[in-house]
Amino acid sequence: MRKIEHIGIAVKNLETSNLLFEKLFGAPAYKQEEVASEGVKTSFFINGPNKIELLEATNPESPIAKFIDKKGEGIHHIAFDVKDIVSEMKRLKDEGFILLNETPKKGADNKLVAFLHPKTTNGVLIELCQEID
C-alpha cells in the first residue's frame, strides 16, 4: 500500500452533500459518476493532496443504503493505492485478512478495487485501488 487513495463518506443525498463539501473545500467536485454494479452515485473532491469520495445509494439493497440504515451518514471506508492489486490481495489473504471479493472489480474514478472485511481490520472497511491503465 503506497498511500491513502481516498476516504469514502456515505451520504443520504449526493446533491445536498455536494453543496456542503463544495463550501467546505471552496471548490466543486472534480468528478461525478454512477457505479451501477455497486448501486451508488459518487462525487470526488480534492483537498490538497487528499481525495474525498461521497457515495449515495441508488437502490435500497446497495451496500451504502444498508450502511446508512445501520450506522447513518459518515465515513464508510478508507481506500489505499496499490501498484498490483492482485498480488496485494494475495499477500493480504496469506496474512489472514478476509477479502470481500476474490477478484478485483471495476470501481469509480478509473480504478480496479477490492475490499477487506472490517471484521479483520478493527471494524474499518479497507478498499484497495489500482489505477486502470
C-alpha atoms as a PDB file:
ATOM      1  CA  MET A   1       0.000   0.000   0.000  1.00  0.00           C
ATOM      2  CA  ARG A   2       1.583   3.202  -1.188  1.00  0.00           C
ATOM      3  CA  LYS A   3      -0.707   5.906   0.212  1.00  0.00           C
ATOM      4  CA  ILE A   4      -4.269   6.694   1.185  1.00  0.00           C
ATOM      5  CA  GLU A   5      -6.066   6.993  -2.156  1.00  0.00           C
ATOM      6  CA  HIS A   6      -9.273   8.461  -0.724  1.00  0.00           C
ATOM      7  CA  ILE A   7     -11.719   8.416   2.164  1.00  0.00           C
ATOM      8  CA  GLY A   8     -15.262   7.340   1.303  1.00  0.00           C
ATOM      9  CA  ILE A   9     -18.209   9.011   3.035  1.00  0.00           C
ATOM     10  CA  ALA A  10     -21.735   7.573   2.841  1.00  0.00           C
ATOM     11  CA  VAL A  11     -24.394  10.262   2.320  1.00  0.00           C
ATOM     12  CA  LYS A  12     -28.174  10.211   2.031  1.00  0.00           C
ATOM     13  CA  ASN A  13     -28.381  12.902  -0.640  1.00  0.00           C
ATOM     14  CA  LEU A  14     -25.470  13.460  -3.015  1.00  0.00           C
ATOM     15  CA  GLU A  15     -26.731  16.804  -4.333  1.00  0.00           C
ATOM     16  CA  THR A  16     -27.094  18.293  -0.838  1.00  0.00           C
ATOM     17  CA  SER A  17     -23.765  16.829   0.286  1.00  0.00           C
ATOM     18  CA  ASN A  18     -22.007  18.129  -2.837  1.00  0.00           C
ATOM     19  CA  LEU A  19     -23.088  21.656  -1.887  1.00  0.00           C
ATOM     20  CA  LEU A  20     -21.846  21.164   1.676  1.00  0.00           C
ATOM     21  CA  PHE A  21     -18.429  19.838   0.611  1.00  0.00           C
ATOM     22  CA  GLU A  22     -18.129  22.487  -2.099  1.00  0.00           C
ATOM     23  CA  LYS A  23     -18.494  25.126   0.645  1.00  0.00           C
ATOM     24  CA  LEU A  24     -16.120  23.211   2.923  1.00  0.00           C
ATOM     25  CA  PHE A  25     -13.324  22.909   0.332  1.00  0.00           C
ATOM     26  CA  GLY A  26     -14.073  26.029  -1.685  1.00  0.00           C
ATOM     27  CA  ALA A  27     -14.221  24.046  -4.926  1.00  0.00           C
ATOM     28  CA  PRO A  28     -16.734  21.815  -6.713  1.00  0.00           C
ATOM     29  CA  ALA A  29     -16.421  18.064  -7.152  1.00  0.00           C
ATOM     30  CA  TYR A  30     -13.980  17.257  -9.937  1.00  0.00           C
ATOM     31  CA  LYS A  31     -15.841  14.125 -10.965  1.00  0.00           C
ATOM     32  CA  GLN A  32     -19.279  12.546 -10.579  1.00  0.00           C
ATOM     33  CA  GLU A  33     -20.284   9.120 -11.803  1.00  0.00           C
ATOM     34  CA  GLU A  34     -22.559   6.179 -11.183  1.00  0.00           C
ATOM     35  CA  VAL A  35     -21.254   2.675 -10.472  1.00  0.00           C
ATOM     36  CA  ALA A  36     -24.324   0.594 -11.272  1.00  0.00           C
ATOM     37  CA  SER A  37     -22.716  -2.680 -10.165  1.00  0.00           C
ATOM     38  CA  GLU A  38     -22.353  -1.262  -6.630  1.00  0.00           C
ATOM     39  CA  GLY A  39     -25.649   0.635  -6.612  1.00  0.00           C
ATOM     40  CA  VAL A  40     -24.045   4.040  -5.965  1.00  0.00           C
ATOM     41  CA  LYS A  41     -23.589   7.510  -7.362  1.00  0.00           C
ATOM     42  CA  THR A  42     -20.304   9.144  -6.398  1.00  0.00           C
ATOM     43  CA  SER A  43     -18.659  12.551  -6.298  1.00  0.00           C
ATOM     44  CA  PHE A  44     -14.947  13.153  -5.814  1.00  0.00           C
ATOM     45  CA  PHE A  45     -13.402  16.211  -4.199  1.00  0.00           C
ATOM     46  CA  ILE A  46      -9.734  17.139  -3.908  1.00  0.00           C
ATOM     47  CA  ASN A  47      -8.392  18.962  -0.874  1.00  0.00           C
ATOM     48  CA  GLY A  48      -4.629  19.470  -1.095  1.00  0.00           C
ATOM     49  CA  PRO A  49      -3.136  16.034  -1.782  1.00  0.00           C
ATOM     50  CA  ASN A  50      -6.245  14.287  -0.408  1.00  0.00           C
ATOM     51  CA  LYS A  51      -9.366  12.949  -2.091  1.00  0.00           C
ATOM     52  CA  ILE A  52     -12.828  12.504  -0.603  1.00  0.00           C
ATOM     53  CA  GLU A  53     -15.455  10.302  -2.246  1.00  0.00           C
ATOM     54  CA  LEU A  54     -19.116  10.888  -1.419  1.00  0.00           C
ATOM     55  CA  LEU A  55     -21.367   7.876  -2.009  1.00  0.00           C
ATOM     56  CA  GLU A  56     -25.166   7.871  -2.341  1.00  0.00           C
ATOM     57  CA  ALA A  57     -27.162   4.651  -2.732  1.00  0.00           C
ATOM     58  CA  THR A  58     -29.153   4.255  -5.931  1.00  0.00           C
ATOM     59  CA  ASN A  59     -31.220   1.367  -4.578  1.00  0.00           C
ATOM     60  CA  PRO A  60     -32.269   0.149  -1.115  1.00  0.00           C
ATOM     61  CA  GLU A  61     -30.227  -3.065  -1.422  1.00  0.00           C
ATOM     62  CA  SER A  62     -26.891  -1.391  -2.119  1.00  0.00           C
ATOM     63  CA  PRO A  63     -24.099  -1.627   0.474  1.00  0.00           C
ATOM     64  CA  ILE A  64     -24.310   2.154   1.027  1.00  0.00           C
ATOM     65  CA  ALA A  65     -28.067   2.032   1.725  1.00  0.00           C
ATOM     66  CA  LYS A  66     -27.512  -0.779   4.234  1.00  0.00           C
ATOM     67  CA  PHE A  67     -24.624   1.113   5.851  1.00  0.00           C
ATOM     68  CA  ILE A  68     -26.712   4.290   6.279  1.00  0.00           C
ATOM     69  CA  ASP A  69     -29.668   2.299   7.655  1.00  0.00           C
ATOM     70  CA  LYS A  70     -27.374   0.690  10.228  1.00  0.00           C
ATOM     71  CA  LYS A  71     -24.944   3.497  11.114  1.00  0.00           C
ATOM     72  CA  GLY A  72     -26.171   6.713   9.496  1.00  0.00           C
ATOM     73  CA  GLU A  73     -24.149   9.010   7.292  1.00  0.00           C
ATOM     74  CA  GLY A  74     -20.406   9.126   7.821  1.00  0.00           C
ATOM     75  CA  ILE A  75     -17.059   7.590   6.996  1.00  0.00           C
ATOM     76  CA  HIS A  76     -17.668   4.372   5.109  1.00  0.00           C
ATOM     77  CA  HIS A  77     -14.173   3.274   4.052  1.00  0.00           C
ATOM     78  CA  ILE A  78     -10.528   4.174   3.649  1.00  0.00           C
ATOM     79  CA  ALA A  79      -9.007   3.357   0.269  1.00  0.00           C
ATOM     80  CA  PHE A  80      -5.327   2.665  -0.314  1.00  0.00           C
ATOM     81  CA  ASP A  81      -3.468   2.972  -3.605  1.00  0.00           C
ATOM     82  CA  VAL A  82      -1.651  -0.201  -4.649  1.00  0.00           C
ATOM     83  CA  LYS A  83       0.609  -0.906  -7.614  1.00  0.00           C
ATOM     84  CA  ASP A  84      -0.550  -4.500  -8.250  1.00  0.00           C
ATOM     85  CA  ILE A  85      -3.967  -5.229  -6.759  1.00  0.00           C
ATOM     86  CA  VAL A  86      -3.885  -8.969  -7.488  1.00  0.00           C
ATOM     87  CA  SER A  87      -0.573  -9.542  -5.708  1.00  0.00           C
ATOM     88  CA  GLU A  88      -1.636  -7.275  -2.816  1.00  0.00           C
ATOM     89  CA  MET A  89      -4.886  -9.225  -2.440  1.00  0.00           C
ATOM     90  CA  LYS A  90      -2.904 -12.487  -2.320  1.00  0.00           C
ATOM     91  CA  ARG A  91      -0.445 -11.068   0.208  1.00  0.00           C
ATOM     92  CA  LEU A  92      -3.234  -9.860   2.498  1.00  0.00           C
ATOM     93  CA  LYS A  93      -5.170 -13.119   2.202  1.00  0.00           C
ATOM     94  CA  ASP A  94      -1.967 -15.022   3.091  1.00  0.00           C
ATOM     95  CA  GLU A  95      -1.636 -12.726   6.136  1.00  0.00           C
ATOM     96  CA  GLY A  96      -5.094 -13.840   7.306  1.00  0.00           C
ATOM     97  CA  PHE A  97      -7.286 -10.960   6.146  1.00  0.00           C
ATOM     98  CA  ILE A  98     -10.703 -11.822   4.731  1.00  0.00           C
ATOM     99  CA  LEU A  99     -11.402 -10.444   1.257  1.00  0.00           C
ATOM    100  CA  LEU A 100     -14.948  -9.423   0.389  1.00  0.00           C
ATOM    101  CA  ASN A 101     -14.289 -10.232  -3.270  1.00  0.00           C
ATOM    102  CA  GLU A 102     -11.932 -12.839  -4.704  1.00  0.00           C
ATOM    103  CA  THR A 103     -11.061 -10.859  -7.825  1.00  0.00           C
ATOM    104  CA  PRO A 104     -10.742  -7.105  -8.414  1.00  0.00           C
ATOM    105  CA  LYS A 105     -13.704  -5.309  -9.962  1.00  0.00           C
ATOM    106  CA  LYS A 106     -14.146  -2.017 -11.761  1.00  0.00           C
ATOM    107  CA  GLY A 107     -14.873   0.816  -9.345  1.00  0.00           C
ATOM    108  CA  ALA A 108     -15.272   4.568  -9.608  1.00  0.00           C
ATOM    109  CA  ASP A 109     -12.603   7.017 -10.769  1.00  0.00           C
ATOM    110  CA  ASN A 110     -10.981   4.597 -13.257  1.00  0.00           C
ATOM    111  CA  LYS A 111      -9.883   2.097 -10.607  1.00  0.00           C
ATOM    112  CA  LEU A 112      -9.816  -1.639 -10.065  1.00  0.00           C
ATOM    113  CA  VAL A 113     -10.959  -2.223  -6.496  1.00  0.00           C
ATOM    114  CA  ALA A 114     -11.170  -4.920  -3.831  1.00  0.00           C
ATOM    115  CA  PHE A 115     -12.320  -4.768  -0.222  1.00  0.00           C
ATOM    116  CA  LEU A 116     -11.162  -6.297   3.050  1.00  0.00           C
ATOM    117  CA  HIS A 117     -13.774  -7.423   5.565  1.00  0.00           C
ATOM    118  CA  PRO A 118     -13.986  -4.984   8.502  1.00  0.00           C
ATOM    119  CA  LYS A 119     -14.041  -7.914  10.964  1.00  0.00           C
ATOM    120  CA  THR A 120     -10.357  -8.431  10.160  1.00  0.00           C
ATOM    121  CA  THR A 121      -9.356  -4.740  10.136  1.00  0.00           C
ATOM    122  CA  ASN A 122     -10.574  -3.438  13.512  1.00  0.00           C
ATOM    123  CA  GLY A 123     -14.003  -2.512  12.141  1.00  0.00           C
ATOM    124  CA  VAL A 124     -12.736  -0.381   9.249  1.00  0.00           C
ATOM    125  CA  LEU A 125     -13.722  -1.253   5.678  1.00  0.00           C
ATOM    126  CA  ILE A 126     -10.493  -1.129   3.653  1.00  0.00           C
ATOM    127  CA  GLU A 127     -10.528  -0.670  -0.117  1.00  0.00           C
ATOM    128  CA  LEU A 128      -7.569  -1.435  -2.353  1.00  0.00           C
ATOM    129  CA  CYS A 129      -7.373   0.697  -5.522  1.00  0.00           C
ATOM    130  CA  GLN A 130      -5.264   0.279  -8.635  1.00  0.00           C
ATOM    131  CA  GLU A 131      -5.378   2.787 -11.478  1.00  0.00           C
ATOM    132  CA  ILE A 132      -6.617   1.181 -14.714  1.00  0.00           C
ATOM    133  CA  ASP A 133      -4.046   1.776 -17.465  1.00  0.00           C
END
